[in-house]
Every structure is written in structure tokens, then in C-alpha cells.
């Protein structure tokens, strides 16, 4: 896979590159300490996920096997809080909704967690939701990032 990726994207002359043996991870799960997941509305509330290749079709993912376990836990709780406060995902077709992404970072150093809600416009419900997110165990800060550019979606 590495050679295919280098051939496809790098433009390097592989005859001039030496590849050593690849060393795998001991545990290839729960190693990523940053999550940036788009949000979609469903009939059950909002969900996070990742896009299918070359599309705007979101594959729902609540528990990602590469994200650190605490990130998955916080992600689930943030979704519950947003649903509770009726914070809906932005829909580029209808140009309605508020939330674009949920970004969660966990410090390698001390385990503190930062949550950022990427939104289209500010809404009073965000203040209440942010205060509730701050009460999630491990969360030390909540940020709001406003991005109302409709072309900068999906």
C-alpha cells in the first residue's frame, strides 16, 4: 500500500528510494487524539461520520476505532447534548441548521479534552450546550468556530 500511495501521489522515482521494512503498531486501535467529524441530521437526531470517497454521502460513525476511547465517549455525549438543545446539523441543500463539525482533541500530556463546535451562525442554545459540555468528565474547554461560507461544506 505504501508503494502504491507513493506512486500515485508523490511523483518520486521509486528506483532512487530505498524502503526499509515497515514496522506495524502494537495496537492499531484508539491511537488518534484528534477527531474532526462532520455532522448530519437523521430521523433520530444528529450523528457524526465520515464521507464516502468522492461524495457528500455521510457514513454514520459514533465510535471510531482509531480515535482515543475518551474522544469517542465525549463525542457521544456532545451529540446527546446537541440533540437535547435542538442544535441541528447544517444542511447545504436547505441552507438551514447550525452545526457543521464536532472537533475533539485530547492532550497526550495530561488527558485534558478540548471540544470545538464548528457552526454557521451563533444561537443562544449554544451557550447552554457549551456549559453542559464543560461538565463532561475530562473536558477543559469548549470553543465555537463560526464558518458561514456555504461553499465550504462537505
N, C-alpha and C. Protein backbone atom coordinates (compact mmCIF):
# COMPACT_ATOMS: atom_id res chain seq x y z
N UNK A 1 0.82 -1.20 0.00
CA UNK A 1 0.00 0.00 0.00
C UNK A 1 0.86 1.26 0.00
N UNK A 2 1.97 1.22 0.73
CA UNK A 2 2.84 2.39 0.77
C UNK A 2 3.40 2.68 -0.62
N UNK A 3 3.85 1.67 -1.30
CA UNK A 3 4.42 1.87 -2.64
C UNK A 3 3.35 2.39 -3.60
N UNK A 4 2.15 1.84 -3.53
CA UNK A 4 1.06 2.33 -4.39
C UNK A 4 0.75 3.80 -4.11
N UNK A 5 0.75 4.17 -2.84
CA UNK A 5 0.47 5.55 -2.46
C UNK A 5 1.57 6.48 -2.96
N UNK A 6 2.81 6.08 -2.81
CA UNK A 6 3.92 6.90 -3.29
C UNK A 6 3.86 7.04 -4.80
N UNK A 7 3.58 5.94 -5.50
CA UNK A 7 3.46 6.00 -6.96
C UNK A 7 2.34 6.94 -7.38
N UNK A 8 1.23 6.87 -6.70
CA UNK A 8 0.05 7.65 -7.11
C UNK A 8 0.19 9.13 -6.80
N UNK A 9 0.76 9.48 -5.65
CA UNK A 9 0.69 10.87 -5.19
C UNK A 9 2.00 11.64 -5.14
N UNK A 10 3.14 10.97 -5.14
CA UNK A 10 4.38 11.70 -4.87
C UNK A 10 5.14 12.15 -6.11
N UNK A 11 5.06 11.38 -7.18
CA UNK A 11 5.86 11.71 -8.35
C UNK A 11 7.33 11.36 -8.18
N UNK A 12 7.67 10.65 -7.11
CA UNK A 12 9.06 10.24 -6.87
C UNK A 12 9.45 9.10 -7.81
N UNK A 13 10.71 9.06 -8.15
CA UNK A 13 11.26 7.93 -8.90
C UNK A 13 11.61 6.85 -7.88
N UNK A 14 10.80 5.79 -7.83
CA UNK A 14 10.99 4.75 -6.80
C UNK A 14 12.32 4.03 -6.94
N UNK A 15 12.93 4.05 -8.10
CA UNK A 15 14.22 3.38 -8.26
C UNK A 15 15.31 4.09 -7.45
N UNK A 16 15.03 5.33 -7.04
CA UNK A 16 16.01 6.09 -6.26
C UNK A 16 15.65 6.13 -4.77
N UNK A 17 14.64 5.36 -4.38
CA UNK A 17 14.19 5.36 -2.99
C UNK A 17 14.37 3.96 -2.42
N UNK A 18 14.96 3.89 -1.22
CA UNK A 18 15.13 2.61 -0.55
C UNK A 18 14.06 2.49 0.54
N UNK A 19 13.35 1.38 0.54
CA UNK A 19 12.33 1.13 1.55
C UNK A 19 12.84 0.12 2.54
N UNK A 20 12.87 0.50 3.81
CA UNK A 20 13.19 -0.45 4.86
C UNK A 20 11.93 -1.22 5.23
N UNK A 21 12.09 -2.24 6.05
CA UNK A 21 10.93 -2.99 6.50
C UNK A 21 9.99 -2.06 7.26
N UNK A 22 8.70 -2.26 7.06
CA UNK A 22 7.71 -1.46 7.75
C UNK A 22 7.39 -2.13 9.08
N UNK A 23 7.40 -1.33 10.13
CA UNK A 23 7.11 -1.84 11.47
C UNK A 23 5.70 -1.42 11.84
N UNK A 24 4.86 -2.38 12.12
CA UNK A 24 3.48 -2.09 12.47
C UNK A 24 3.34 -1.67 13.92
N UNK A 25 2.18 -1.16 14.24
CA UNK A 25 1.88 -0.74 15.61
C UNK A 25 1.53 -1.97 16.45
N UNK A 26 1.84 -1.91 17.73
CA UNK A 26 1.42 -2.98 18.63
C UNK A 26 -0.09 -3.04 18.75
N UNK A 27 -0.71 -1.86 18.83
CA UNK A 27 -2.16 -1.79 18.93
C UNK A 27 -2.66 -0.75 17.94
N UNK A 28 -3.17 -1.18 16.78
CA UNK A 28 -3.59 -0.21 15.76
C UNK A 28 -4.98 0.37 15.99
N UNK A 29 -5.41 0.42 17.22
CA UNK A 29 -6.72 0.98 17.55
C UNK A 29 -6.55 2.03 18.65
N UNK A 30 -7.46 2.98 18.63
CA UNK A 30 -7.56 4.01 19.68
C UNK A 30 -6.28 4.83 19.86
N UNK A 31 -5.61 5.17 18.78
CA UNK A 31 -4.36 5.91 18.87
C UNK A 31 -4.48 7.38 18.48
N UNK A 32 -5.55 7.76 17.84
CA UNK A 32 -5.67 9.12 17.31
C UNK A 32 -6.28 10.04 18.37
N UNK A 33 -5.62 11.16 18.62
CA UNK A 33 -6.05 12.07 19.68
C UNK A 33 -6.70 13.35 19.16
N UNK A 34 -7.13 13.32 17.90
CA UNK A 34 -7.90 14.43 17.35
C UNK A 34 -8.99 13.84 16.46
N UNK A 35 -10.19 14.35 16.65
CA UNK A 35 -11.32 13.95 15.84
C UNK A 35 -11.94 15.20 15.24
N UNK A 36 -12.19 15.18 13.94
CA UNK A 36 -12.89 16.28 13.28
C UNK A 36 -13.92 15.63 12.38
N UNK A 37 -15.14 15.55 12.89
CA UNK A 37 -16.16 14.80 12.17
C UNK A 37 -17.33 15.69 11.76
N UNK A 38 -17.73 15.58 10.49
CA UNK A 38 -18.92 16.31 10.05
C UNK A 38 -20.16 15.76 10.73
N UNK A 39 -21.20 16.57 10.73
CA UNK A 39 -22.44 16.23 11.43
C UNK A 39 -23.59 16.23 10.43
N UNK A 40 -24.51 15.30 10.59
CA UNK A 40 -25.71 15.23 9.76
C UNK A 40 -26.94 15.01 10.63
N UNK A 41 -28.08 15.47 10.13
CA UNK A 41 -29.35 15.22 10.78
C UNK A 41 -29.86 13.84 10.34
N UNK A 42 -30.43 13.11 11.29
CA UNK A 42 -31.10 11.86 10.98
C UNK A 42 -32.48 11.92 11.61
N UNK A 43 -33.29 10.92 11.37
CA UNK A 43 -34.61 10.93 12.00
C UNK A 43 -34.52 10.68 13.49
N UNK A 44 -33.35 10.27 13.99
CA UNK A 44 -33.14 10.01 15.41
C UNK A 44 -32.36 11.12 16.11
N UNK A 45 -31.99 12.17 15.38
CA UNK A 45 -31.17 13.25 15.93
C UNK A 45 -29.95 13.43 15.05
N UNK A 46 -28.92 14.08 15.57
CA UNK A 46 -27.72 14.28 14.76
C UNK A 46 -26.78 13.09 14.93
N UNK A 47 -25.90 12.94 13.95
CA UNK A 47 -24.87 11.92 14.02
C UNK A 47 -23.59 12.48 13.42
N UNK A 48 -22.48 11.93 13.81
CA UNK A 48 -21.20 12.25 13.20
C UNK A 48 -20.84 11.11 12.26
N UNK A 49 -19.86 11.34 11.42
CA UNK A 49 -19.45 10.30 10.50
C UNK A 49 -18.33 10.76 9.60
N UNK A 50 -18.11 9.99 8.56
CA UNK A 50 -17.11 10.33 7.54
C UNK A 50 -17.76 10.16 6.18
N UNK A 51 -17.26 10.90 5.20
CA UNK A 51 -17.83 10.86 3.87
C UNK A 51 -17.34 9.65 3.09
N UNK A 52 -18.23 9.08 2.27
CA UNK A 52 -17.83 8.07 1.30
C UNK A 52 -16.88 8.76 0.32
N UNK A 53 -15.95 8.00 -0.26
CA UNK A 53 -15.00 8.62 -1.19
C UNK A 53 -15.71 9.37 -2.32
N UNK A 54 -15.22 10.55 -2.62
CA UNK A 54 -15.70 11.38 -3.73
C UNK A 54 -17.20 11.66 -3.67
N UNK A 55 -17.74 11.86 -2.47
CA UNK A 55 -19.17 12.12 -2.37
C UNK A 55 -19.46 13.00 -1.15
N UNK A 56 -20.72 13.38 -1.04
CA UNK A 56 -21.21 14.07 0.15
C UNK A 56 -22.06 13.14 1.00
N UNK A 57 -21.99 11.85 0.72
CA UNK A 57 -22.74 10.85 1.48
C UNK A 57 -22.00 10.54 2.77
N UNK A 58 -22.65 10.79 3.88
CA UNK A 58 -22.03 10.57 5.18
C UNK A 58 -22.30 9.16 5.68
N UNK A 59 -21.26 8.47 6.07
CA UNK A 59 -21.39 7.17 6.71
C UNK A 59 -21.37 7.43 8.21
N UNK A 60 -22.48 7.16 8.91
CA UNK A 60 -22.52 7.46 10.35
C UNK A 60 -21.47 6.67 11.13
N UNK A 61 -20.71 7.39 11.95
CA UNK A 61 -19.71 6.78 12.83
C UNK A 61 -19.78 7.52 14.16
N UNK A 62 -20.17 6.82 15.19
CA UNK A 62 -20.20 7.40 16.53
C UNK A 62 -18.94 6.99 17.29
N UNK A 63 -18.62 5.71 17.20
CA UNK A 63 -17.42 5.17 17.84
C UNK A 63 -16.42 4.78 16.76
N UNK A 64 -15.40 5.61 16.59
CA UNK A 64 -14.39 5.37 15.57
C UNK A 64 -13.26 4.52 16.18
N UNK A 65 -12.89 3.43 15.54
CA UNK A 65 -11.89 2.54 16.13
C UNK A 65 -10.47 3.10 16.18
N UNK A 66 -10.20 4.21 15.50
CA UNK A 66 -8.86 4.80 15.59
C UNK A 66 -8.79 5.97 16.56
N UNK A 67 -9.94 6.54 16.92
CA UNK A 67 -9.93 7.64 17.89
C UNK A 67 -9.71 7.09 19.29
N UNK A 68 -9.01 7.86 20.10
CA UNK A 68 -8.82 7.50 21.50
C UNK A 68 -10.18 7.28 22.14
N UNK A 69 -10.25 6.34 23.04
CA UNK A 69 -11.53 5.96 23.64
C UNK A 69 -12.25 7.15 24.29
N UNK A 70 -11.51 8.03 24.95
CA UNK A 70 -12.14 9.20 25.58
C UNK A 70 -12.76 10.13 24.54
N UNK A 71 -12.17 10.20 23.36
CA UNK A 71 -12.75 11.03 22.30
C UNK A 71 -14.09 10.46 21.88
N UNK A 72 -14.18 9.15 21.73
CA UNK A 72 -15.46 8.53 21.38
C UNK A 72 -16.52 8.78 22.45
N UNK A 73 -16.12 8.68 23.70
CA UNK A 73 -17.05 8.91 24.81
C UNK A 73 -17.57 10.35 24.79
N UNK A 74 -16.65 11.30 24.64
CA UNK A 74 -17.04 12.71 24.61
C UNK A 74 -17.90 12.99 23.38
N UNK A 75 -17.55 12.41 22.25
CA UNK A 75 -18.33 12.61 21.03
C UNK A 75 -19.79 12.19 21.23
N UNK A 76 -20.00 11.03 21.83
CA UNK A 76 -21.37 10.56 22.10
C UNK A 76 -22.12 11.54 23.00
N UNK A 77 -21.44 12.02 24.04
CA UNK A 77 -22.10 12.94 24.98
C UNK A 77 -22.38 14.29 24.34
N UNK A 78 -21.49 14.78 23.48
CA UNK A 78 -21.72 16.05 22.79
C UNK A 78 -22.93 15.92 21.87
N UNK A 79 -23.04 14.80 21.17
CA UNK A 79 -24.20 14.57 20.30
C UNK A 79 -25.48 14.59 21.13
N UNK A 80 -25.48 13.90 22.27
CA UNK A 80 -26.67 13.89 23.14
C UNK A 80 -27.04 15.30 23.59
N UNK A 81 -26.03 16.08 23.97
CA UNK A 81 -26.28 17.45 24.45
C UNK A 81 -26.82 18.31 23.31
N UNK A 82 -26.25 18.20 22.14
CA UNK A 82 -26.74 18.99 21.00
C UNK A 82 -28.17 18.61 20.66
N UNK A 83 -28.48 17.32 20.68
CA UNK A 83 -29.86 16.89 20.44
C UNK A 83 -30.80 17.47 21.49
N UNK A 84 -30.37 17.41 22.75
CA UNK A 84 -31.19 17.92 23.85
C UNK A 84 -31.52 19.41 23.66
N UNK A 85 -30.55 20.17 23.17
CA UNK A 85 -30.72 21.61 23.00
C UNK A 85 -31.19 21.97 21.57
N UNK A 86 -31.60 20.96 20.84
CA UNK A 86 -32.12 21.13 19.47
C UNK A 86 -31.17 21.91 18.57
N UNK A 87 -29.90 21.56 18.68
CA UNK A 87 -28.89 22.10 17.79
C UNK A 87 -28.77 21.13 16.63
N UNK A 88 -29.25 21.56 15.47
CA UNK A 88 -29.32 20.69 14.30
C UNK A 88 -28.11 20.89 13.40
N UNK A 89 -27.82 19.88 12.61
CA UNK A 89 -26.72 19.97 11.64
C UNK A 89 -27.10 20.89 10.50
N UNK A 90 -26.10 21.58 9.98
CA UNK A 90 -26.30 22.43 8.81
C UNK A 90 -26.55 21.54 7.60
N UNK A 91 -27.55 21.91 6.81
CA UNK A 91 -27.89 21.19 5.58
C UNK A 91 -27.65 22.14 4.42
N UNK A 92 -26.67 21.84 3.58
CA UNK A 92 -26.30 22.74 2.49
C UNK A 92 -27.38 22.82 1.41
N UNK A 93 -28.27 21.84 1.36
CA UNK A 93 -29.35 21.88 0.36
C UNK A 93 -30.43 22.88 0.77
N UNK A 94 -30.79 22.88 2.04
CA UNK A 94 -31.85 23.78 2.52
C UNK A 94 -31.28 25.06 3.11
N UNK A 95 -29.95 25.08 3.34
CA UNK A 95 -29.27 26.21 3.97
C UNK A 95 -29.82 26.49 5.37
N UNK A 96 -30.23 25.43 6.04
CA UNK A 96 -30.74 25.55 7.41
C UNK A 96 -29.89 24.70 8.33
N UNK A 97 -29.95 25.01 9.60
CA UNK A 97 -29.19 24.26 10.59
C UNK A 97 -28.01 25.06 11.07
N UNK A 98 -27.33 24.52 12.03
CA UNK A 98 -26.33 25.28 12.77
C UNK A 98 -24.95 24.62 12.79
N UNK A 99 -24.92 23.33 13.08
CA UNK A 99 -23.66 22.65 13.38
C UNK A 99 -23.08 21.99 12.13
N UNK A 100 -21.80 22.26 11.87
CA UNK A 100 -21.11 21.65 10.73
C UNK A 100 -20.23 20.48 11.16
N UNK A 101 -19.41 20.70 12.17
CA UNK A 101 -18.43 19.70 12.63
C UNK A 101 -18.36 19.71 14.14
N UNK A 102 -17.96 18.57 14.67
CA UNK A 102 -17.56 18.48 16.07
C UNK A 102 -16.08 18.10 16.05
N UNK A 103 -15.26 18.95 16.65
CA UNK A 103 -13.82 18.71 16.71
C UNK A 103 -13.46 18.45 18.17
N UNK A 104 -12.77 17.34 18.42
CA UNK A 104 -12.38 16.99 19.79
C UNK A 104 -10.89 16.66 19.78
N UNK A 105 -10.17 17.27 20.72
CA UNK A 105 -8.74 16.99 20.87
C UNK A 105 -8.48 16.54 22.30
N UNK A 106 -7.61 15.55 22.44
CA UNK A 106 -7.20 15.08 23.76
C UNK A 106 -5.69 15.24 23.88
N UNK A 107 -5.24 15.84 24.96
CA UNK A 107 -3.81 16.06 25.19
C UNK A 107 -3.11 14.74 25.51
N UNK A 108 -1.99 14.50 24.80
CA UNK A 108 -1.14 13.35 25.14
C UNK A 108 -0.53 13.55 26.53
N UNK A 109 -0.28 14.80 26.87
CA UNK A 109 0.44 15.13 28.08
C UNK A 109 -0.38 14.88 29.35
N UNK A 110 -1.62 15.40 29.38
CA UNK A 110 -2.38 15.29 30.64
C UNK A 110 -3.81 14.77 30.46
N UNK A 111 -4.19 14.41 29.23
CA UNK A 111 -5.52 13.85 29.00
C UNK A 111 -6.65 14.86 28.95
N UNK A 112 -6.33 16.16 29.10
CA UNK A 112 -7.39 17.17 29.02
C UNK A 112 -7.98 17.19 27.62
N UNK A 113 -9.28 17.49 27.57
CA UNK A 113 -10.00 17.43 26.31
C UNK A 113 -10.55 18.81 25.96
N UNK A 114 -10.42 19.15 24.68
CA UNK A 114 -10.95 20.40 24.14
C UNK A 114 -12.00 20.03 23.09
N UNK A 115 -13.17 20.65 23.16
CA UNK A 115 -14.23 20.45 22.20
C UNK A 115 -14.44 21.75 21.44
N UNK A 116 -14.52 21.66 20.12
CA UNK A 116 -14.85 22.82 19.30
C UNK A 116 -16.06 22.48 18.45
N UNK A 117 -17.05 23.34 18.50
CA UNK A 117 -18.24 23.20 17.66
C UNK A 117 -18.08 24.17 16.50
N UNK A 118 -18.04 23.64 15.29
CA UNK A 118 -17.94 24.48 14.10
C UNK A 118 -19.37 24.72 13.62
N UNK A 119 -19.77 26.00 13.59
CA UNK A 119 -21.16 26.36 13.36
C UNK A 119 -21.29 27.33 12.19
N UNK A 120 -22.54 27.56 11.78
CA UNK A 120 -22.81 28.54 10.72
C UNK A 120 -23.13 29.91 11.31
N UNK A 121 -23.96 29.93 12.34
CA UNK A 121 -24.34 31.18 13.00
C UNK A 121 -24.42 30.92 14.50
N UNK A 122 -24.31 31.97 15.28
CA UNK A 122 -24.43 31.81 16.73
C UNK A 122 -25.90 31.71 17.10
N UNK A 123 -26.18 30.86 18.06
CA UNK A 123 -27.54 30.63 18.53
C UNK A 123 -27.48 30.57 20.05
N UNK A 124 -28.49 31.09 20.73
CA UNK A 124 -28.50 31.09 22.20
C UNK A 124 -28.36 29.69 22.80
N UNK A 125 -28.87 28.70 22.10
CA UNK A 125 -28.78 27.32 22.60
C UNK A 125 -27.33 26.87 22.73
N UNK A 126 -26.43 27.45 21.95
CA UNK A 126 -25.01 27.08 22.01
C UNK A 126 -24.41 27.37 23.38
N UNK A 127 -24.80 28.48 23.97
CA UNK A 127 -24.26 28.85 25.29
C UNK A 127 -24.63 27.79 26.33
N UNK A 128 -25.89 27.39 26.33
CA UNK A 128 -26.34 26.35 27.27
C UNK A 128 -25.66 25.02 26.99
N UNK A 129 -25.56 24.67 25.70
CA UNK A 129 -24.91 23.41 25.34
C UNK A 129 -23.44 23.42 25.74
N UNK A 130 -22.75 24.54 25.49
CA UNK A 130 -21.33 24.64 25.83
C UNK A 130 -21.11 24.47 27.33
N UNK A 131 -21.97 25.09 28.14
CA UNK A 131 -21.86 24.93 29.59
C UNK A 131 -22.06 23.48 30.01
N UNK A 132 -22.98 22.80 29.36
CA UNK A 132 -23.22 21.39 29.68
C UNK A 132 -22.06 20.51 29.20
N UNK A 133 -21.49 20.83 28.05
CA UNK A 133 -20.33 20.07 27.54
C UNK A 133 -19.16 20.21 28.50
N UNK A 134 -18.99 21.39 29.09
CA UNK A 134 -17.90 21.60 30.06
C UNK A 134 -18.03 20.70 31.29
N UNK A 135 -19.21 20.19 31.55
CA UNK A 135 -19.40 19.31 32.71
C UNK A 135 -19.08 17.85 32.39
N UNK A 136 -18.76 17.55 31.12
CA UNK A 136 -18.35 16.19 30.77
C UNK A 136 -16.97 15.94 31.37
N UNK A 137 -16.80 14.80 31.98
CA UNK A 137 -15.53 14.45 32.61
C UNK A 137 -14.37 14.56 31.61
N UNK A 138 -13.34 15.32 32.00
CA UNK A 138 -12.14 15.46 31.18
C UNK A 138 -12.15 16.68 30.27
N UNK A 139 -13.33 17.23 29.99
CA UNK A 139 -13.41 18.39 29.10
C UNK A 139 -12.99 19.64 29.86
N UNK A 140 -11.98 20.32 29.33
CA UNK A 140 -11.44 21.52 29.97
C UNK A 140 -11.84 22.80 29.25
N UNK A 141 -12.19 22.69 27.96
CA UNK A 141 -12.57 23.89 27.23
C UNK A 141 -13.52 23.53 26.09
N UNK A 142 -14.36 24.52 25.77
CA UNK A 142 -15.28 24.41 24.64
C UNK A 142 -15.12 25.67 23.82
N UNK A 143 -14.87 25.48 22.54
CA UNK A 143 -14.73 26.61 21.63
C UNK A 143 -15.83 26.58 20.58
N UNK A 144 -16.13 27.76 20.07
CA UNK A 144 -17.10 27.88 19.00
C UNK A 144 -16.35 28.52 17.82
N UNK A 145 -16.42 27.88 16.67
CA UNK A 145 -15.79 28.40 15.47
C UNK A 145 -16.87 28.64 14.43
N UNK A 146 -17.02 29.89 14.02
CA UNK A 146 -18.09 30.24 13.09
C UNK A 146 -17.58 30.18 11.66
N UNK A 147 -18.30 29.43 10.83
CA UNK A 147 -17.97 29.29 9.42
C UNK A 147 -19.28 29.31 8.64
N UNK A 148 -19.64 30.45 8.12
CA UNK A 148 -20.94 30.50 7.45
C UNK A 148 -20.82 30.40 5.94
N UNK A 149 -19.65 30.17 5.42
CA UNK A 149 -19.43 30.03 3.98
C UNK A 149 -20.11 28.75 3.48
N UNK A 150 -21.20 28.90 2.77
CA UNK A 150 -21.97 27.74 2.29
C UNK A 150 -21.18 26.91 1.31
N UNK A 151 -20.21 27.48 0.62
CA UNK A 151 -19.42 26.70 -0.33
C UNK A 151 -18.39 25.85 0.39
N UNK A 152 -18.13 26.13 1.66
CA UNK A 152 -17.13 25.40 2.43
C UNK A 152 -17.81 24.35 3.28
N UNK A 153 -18.50 23.45 2.65
CA UNK A 153 -19.18 22.37 3.34
C UNK A 153 -18.82 21.07 2.65
N UNK A 154 -19.05 19.99 3.36
CA UNK A 154 -18.87 18.66 2.84
C UNK A 154 -17.71 18.63 1.91
